[in-house]
Protein backbone atom coordinates (compact mmCIF):
# COMPACT_ATOMS: atom_id res chain seq x y z
CA MET A 1 23.95 -5.51 -40.49
CA LEU A 2 23.30 -1.88 -41.21
CA SER A 3 19.94 -0.43 -40.34
CA ALA A 4 19.14 3.25 -40.83
CA MET A 5 22.72 4.24 -41.77
CA ASP A 6 24.49 2.95 -44.93
CA LEU A 7 28.27 2.71 -45.26
CA ARG A 8 28.49 5.90 -47.24
CA GLU A 9 26.85 7.79 -44.29
CA VAL A 10 29.00 5.92 -41.76
CA PHE A 11 32.11 6.97 -43.76
CA ALA A 12 30.92 10.61 -44.00
CA THR A 13 30.15 10.79 -40.27
CA ASN A 14 33.56 9.32 -39.34
CA LEU A 15 35.47 11.48 -41.81
CA ARG A 16 33.96 14.61 -40.35
CA ARG A 17 34.57 13.36 -36.79
CA LEU A 18 38.19 12.47 -37.50
CA ARG A 19 38.89 15.74 -39.32
CA ASN A 20 37.36 17.85 -36.54
CA ALA A 21 39.25 15.82 -33.91
CA LYS A 22 42.52 16.87 -35.61
CA GLY A 23 41.34 20.49 -35.81
CA LEU A 24 41.63 20.56 -39.58
CA SER A 25 39.50 22.56 -41.98
CA GLN A 26 38.20 20.89 -45.14
CA ASP A 27 40.66 23.09 -47.11
CA THR A 28 43.64 21.99 -45.05
CA LEU A 29 42.74 18.27 -45.13
CA ALA A 30 42.11 18.35 -48.82
CA TYR A 31 45.43 20.08 -49.46
CA GLU A 32 47.39 17.75 -47.25
CA ALA A 33 45.67 14.61 -48.75
CA GLU A 34 46.12 16.02 -52.25
CA ILE A 35 42.37 15.80 -53.17
CA SER A 36 40.08 18.60 -54.13
CA ARG A 37 38.17 20.41 -51.41
CA SER A 38 34.90 20.06 -53.32
CA TYR A 39 35.40 16.29 -53.51
CA LEU A 40 36.17 16.15 -49.76
CA SER A 41 33.00 18.16 -49.08
CA GLN A 42 30.90 15.73 -51.12
CA LEU A 43 32.43 12.82 -49.26
CA GLU A 44 31.52 14.45 -45.95
CA LYS A 45 27.97 14.97 -47.16
CA GLY A 46 27.72 11.32 -48.11
CA SER A 47 27.11 12.23 -51.72
CA PHE A 48 30.06 10.24 -53.18
CA TYR A 49 31.60 6.84 -52.56
CA ALA A 50 35.32 6.94 -51.66
CA SER A 51 37.75 4.78 -53.51
CA LEU A 52 40.36 2.80 -51.61
CA LYS A 53 43.07 5.16 -52.87
CA ILE A 54 41.16 8.15 -51.33
CA ILE A 55 40.62 6.25 -48.08
CA GLU A 56 44.34 5.50 -48.02
CA LYS A 57 45.24 9.16 -48.53
CA LEU A 58 42.77 10.40 -45.90
CA ALA A 59 43.83 7.79 -43.34
CA SER A 60 47.55 8.65 -43.83
CA THR A 61 46.87 12.35 -43.52
CA LEU A 62 44.68 11.95 -40.50
CA GLU A 63 47.07 9.34 -38.98
CA VAL A 64 44.38 6.76 -38.48
CA GLU A 65 43.84 3.19 -39.62
CA PRO A 66 41.58 3.05 -42.68
CA ALA A 67 39.10 0.87 -40.79
CA GLU A 68 38.35 3.92 -38.61
CA PHE A 69 36.19 5.30 -41.43
CA LEU A 70 33.83 2.33 -41.41
CA LYS A 71 33.31 1.92 -37.65
CA LEU A 72 29.64 1.95 -36.82
CA PRO A 73 28.58 4.51 -34.19
CA PRO A 74 27.72 3.02 -30.79
CA LYS A 75 24.09 1.92 -30.46
CA ARG A 76 21.95 4.04 -28.23
CA SER A 77 19.83 2.23 -25.72
CA SER A 78 16.10 2.70 -26.32
CA ASN A 79 15.58 4.14 -22.81
CA ALA A 80 18.37 6.75 -23.00
CA ARG A 81 17.15 10.34 -22.88
């Protein structure tokens, strides 16, 4: 069950993380995935929902399984500082 973060935010966070891990700019990823840079930017902000076709294009370009975009971040323990 999701608490403070909805799936759109989870997707946005993971998309940014995966893009940065590959060392790609938004422009480069958008070009290679054949989507517009402004659309990619909105996805990374969590403003838009991604279709399955877009998830497929991004996963292929980033060389990850599509499920990587929906993985929840690890929970932080309440006593961690």
